Every structure is written in C-alpha cells, then in structure tokens.
Amino acid sequence: QVQLVESGGGLVQAGGSLRLSCAASGRTSSSYAMGWFRQAPEKEREFVAAVSRSGDSTYYADSLRGRFTISRDNAKNTVYLAMNSLKPEDTAVYYCAASSSPYTTVVAQTRYDYWGQGTQVTVSS
C-alpha cells in the first residue's frame, strides 16, 4: 500500500511555470511506476506523463511533450511534474498515481493502483 499526496498547484498566468510534487508514503515508491493525470472541468481525466521505477524512462502525452517534464527522486519518495509555458487549457486538477504494472511506463489509468487526492492548477489568460 502507498499513499500519495500532491502539492505545488496554484494560480499562474499564461506563460508561467509550476512544479508539482507527489510525495509517497508507505511502501517505497520505487516499487511502482508513476504517472500524472489531469481532469479539466466537465472533461474526462487524461494521461499527462509517466516515469519508470528507476526514472530512466519517461513518456508524455503528445500534446504536452516539450512543455512538461516528469521526474522522480526515489531517495525522497517523490515524483515531480515541471510545467512550463502554461496555457489556460492546462487548467485542471492534477493527480499522481502509482502502478504495480510490469510495464516500464504506464499510460492506461486502469493499470494504476493508487491515486492522490489531486492538486488544482489554474492558468489565467
């Protein structure tokens, strides 16, 4: 079992940056592939980025590649999402998740076992 707590969300102007953190407790997070997802108002939750257990492999939603960077520090049991050049359409609740799937990076939400409570990111125009 692992508990996930996101932080770092907030209000930012378009073009700005934020770095989200996801702190894991319980079973060590290095046992899990990790991912970030987001859900905008009245939209379904969507995949943002994923990172492998070691941190060596990453994968991004096509539309976000180049602006968002996922990373992890297993010594701190923390996963990060650095977001640059933010746009109003990036406004959403951002969730981190942990997967016990054997895949290196995990895209499908159904393959994630644990979820955080989410952190709100609002980008003003």
Protein backbone atom coordinates (compact mmCIF):
# COMPACT_ATOMS: atom_id res chain seq x y z
CA GLN A 1 0.00 0.00 0.00
CA VAL A 2 1.18 3.50 -0.77
CA GLN A 3 -0.31 6.89 -0.01
CA LEU A 4 0.19 9.76 -2.44
CA VAL A 5 -0.06 13.47 -1.66
CA GLU A 6 0.25 16.09 -4.38
CA SER A 7 1.32 19.67 -3.80
CA GLY A 8 2.52 22.67 -5.75
CA GLY A 9 -0.63 23.63 -7.56
CA GLY A 10 -1.95 27.14 -7.67
CA LEU A 11 -2.84 30.10 -9.83
CA VAL A 12 -0.38 31.16 -12.51
CA GLN A 13 -0.53 33.46 -15.52
CA ALA A 14 -0.32 32.09 -19.01
CA GLY A 15 3.29 31.55 -19.98
CA GLY A 16 4.32 30.86 -16.41
CA SER A 17 5.64 27.72 -14.77
CA LEU A 18 4.78 25.44 -11.89
CA ARG A 19 6.34 22.33 -10.42
CA LEU A 20 4.06 19.79 -8.87
CA SER A 21 5.28 17.30 -6.31
CA CYS A 22 3.85 13.95 -5.32
CA ALA A 23 5.08 12.57 -2.02
CA ALA A 24 4.66 8.86 -1.44
CA SER A 25 4.47 7.15 1.91
CA GLY A 26 4.01 3.57 2.92
CA ARG A 27 5.60 1.09 0.59
CA THR A 28 8.59 2.65 -1.14
CA SER A 29 7.61 4.46 -4.31
CA SER A 30 10.48 2.90 -6.27
CA SER A 31 8.40 -0.26 -6.33
CA TYR A 32 5.93 1.49 -8.62
CA ALA A 33 5.84 3.09 -12.00
CA MET A 34 4.40 6.54 -11.54
CA GLY A 35 2.24 8.84 -13.60
CA TRP A 36 0.49 12.17 -13.70
CA PHE A 37 -3.02 12.69 -14.96
CA ARG A 38 -5.31 15.70 -15.11
CA GLN A 39 -9.01 16.41 -15.23
CA ALA A 40 -10.39 19.68 -16.51
CA PRO A 41 -13.92 20.81 -15.65
CA GLU A 42 -16.54 18.76 -17.45
CA LYS A 43 -13.88 16.63 -19.13
CA GLU A 44 -12.63 13.13 -18.55
CA ARG A 45 -9.39 12.54 -16.74
CA GLU A 46 -6.50 12.26 -19.18
CA PHE A 47 -2.94 10.99 -19.18
CA VAL A 48 -0.18 13.58 -18.82
CA ALA A 49 3.13 11.78 -18.25
CA ALA A 50 4.66 8.61 -16.86
CA VAL A 51 8.03 7.64 -15.43
CA SER A 52 9.59 4.25 -14.88
CA ARG A 53 10.61 2.86 -11.49
CA SER A 54 14.22 3.90 -11.99
CA GLY A 55 13.38 7.25 -13.53
CA ASP A 56 15.33 6.42 -16.68
CA SER A 57 12.31 6.15 -18.94
CA THR A 58 9.57 8.71 -19.42
CA TYR A 59 6.56 9.05 -21.67
CA TYR A 60 4.32 12.02 -22.39
CA ALA A 61 1.01 12.85 -23.93
CA ASP A 62 1.81 14.06 -27.42
CA SER A 63 0.26 17.47 -26.88
CA LEU A 64 2.36 18.12 -23.77
CA ARG A 65 5.74 16.82 -24.82
CA GLY A 66 8.28 19.63 -24.69
CA ARG A 67 6.45 21.72 -22.11
CA PHE A 68 6.06 19.22 -19.27
CA THR A 69 8.79 17.16 -17.63
CA ILE A 70 8.25 14.27 -15.26
CA SER A 71 10.99 13.12 -12.91
CA ARG A 72 11.40 11.26 -9.66
CA ASP A 73 13.73 11.18 -6.68
CA ASN A 74 13.44 7.73 -5.15
CA ALA A 75 15.57 8.73 -2.18
CA LYS A 76 12.86 11.25 -1.31
CA ASN A 77 9.95 9.06 -2.46
CA THR A 78 8.80 11.98 -4.58
CA VAL A 79 7.70 12.40 -8.17
CA TYR A 80 7.69 15.77 -9.88
CA LEU A 81 5.94 17.38 -12.81
CA ALA A 82 7.57 20.53 -14.10
CA MET A 83 5.20 22.53 -16.28
CA ASN A 84 6.42 25.38 -18.45
CA SER A 85 4.77 27.78 -20.90
CA LEU A 86 1.46 27.11 -19.24
CA LYS A 87 -1.75 27.79 -21.14
CA PRO A 88 -5.30 28.39 -19.92
CA GLU A 89 -6.23 24.98 -21.33
CA ASP A 90 -3.82 23.40 -18.84
CA THR A 91 -6.23 24.38 -16.08
CA ALA A 92 -7.24 21.16 -14.32
CA VAL A 93 -6.92 19.10 -11.20
CA TYR A 94 -3.66 17.18 -11.46
CA TYR A 95 -3.36 13.72 -9.96
CA CYS A 96 -0.39 11.50 -9.40
CA ALA A 97 -0.77 7.75 -9.41
CA ALA A 98 1.26 4.62 -8.71
CA SER A 99 1.18 1.44 -10.78
CA SER A 100 2.37 -2.05 -9.93
CA SER A 101 2.10 -2.99 -13.61
CA PRO A 102 5.23 -4.67 -15.02
CA TYR A 103 5.38 -2.14 -17.86
CA THR A 104 8.23 0.36 -17.78
CA THR A 105 5.95 3.34 -18.28
CA VAL A 106 2.22 3.10 -17.83
CA VAL A 107 -0.33 5.12 -19.75
CA ALA A 108 -3.65 3.42 -19.07
CA GLN A 109 -5.46 4.70 -15.99
CA THR A 110 -6.83 1.23 -15.33
CA ARG A 111 -3.30 -0.03 -14.70
CA TYR A 112 -2.79 2.37 -11.80
CA ASP A 113 -3.43 1.06 -8.32
CA TYR A 114 -3.15 4.14 -6.11
CA TRP A 115 -4.15 7.75 -6.61
CA GLY A 116 -3.56 11.00 -4.81
CA GLN A 117 -6.29 13.47 -3.96
CA GLY A 118 -5.24 15.94 -6.64
CA THR A 119 -3.96 19.48 -6.73
CA GLN A 120 -5.63 22.34 -8.59
CA VAL A 121 -3.74 24.19 -11.31
CA THR A 122 -5.37 27.31 -12.70
CA VAL A 123 -3.82 29.22 -15.59
CA SER A 124 -5.19 32.69 -16.20
CA SER A 125 -5.11 34.35 -19.60
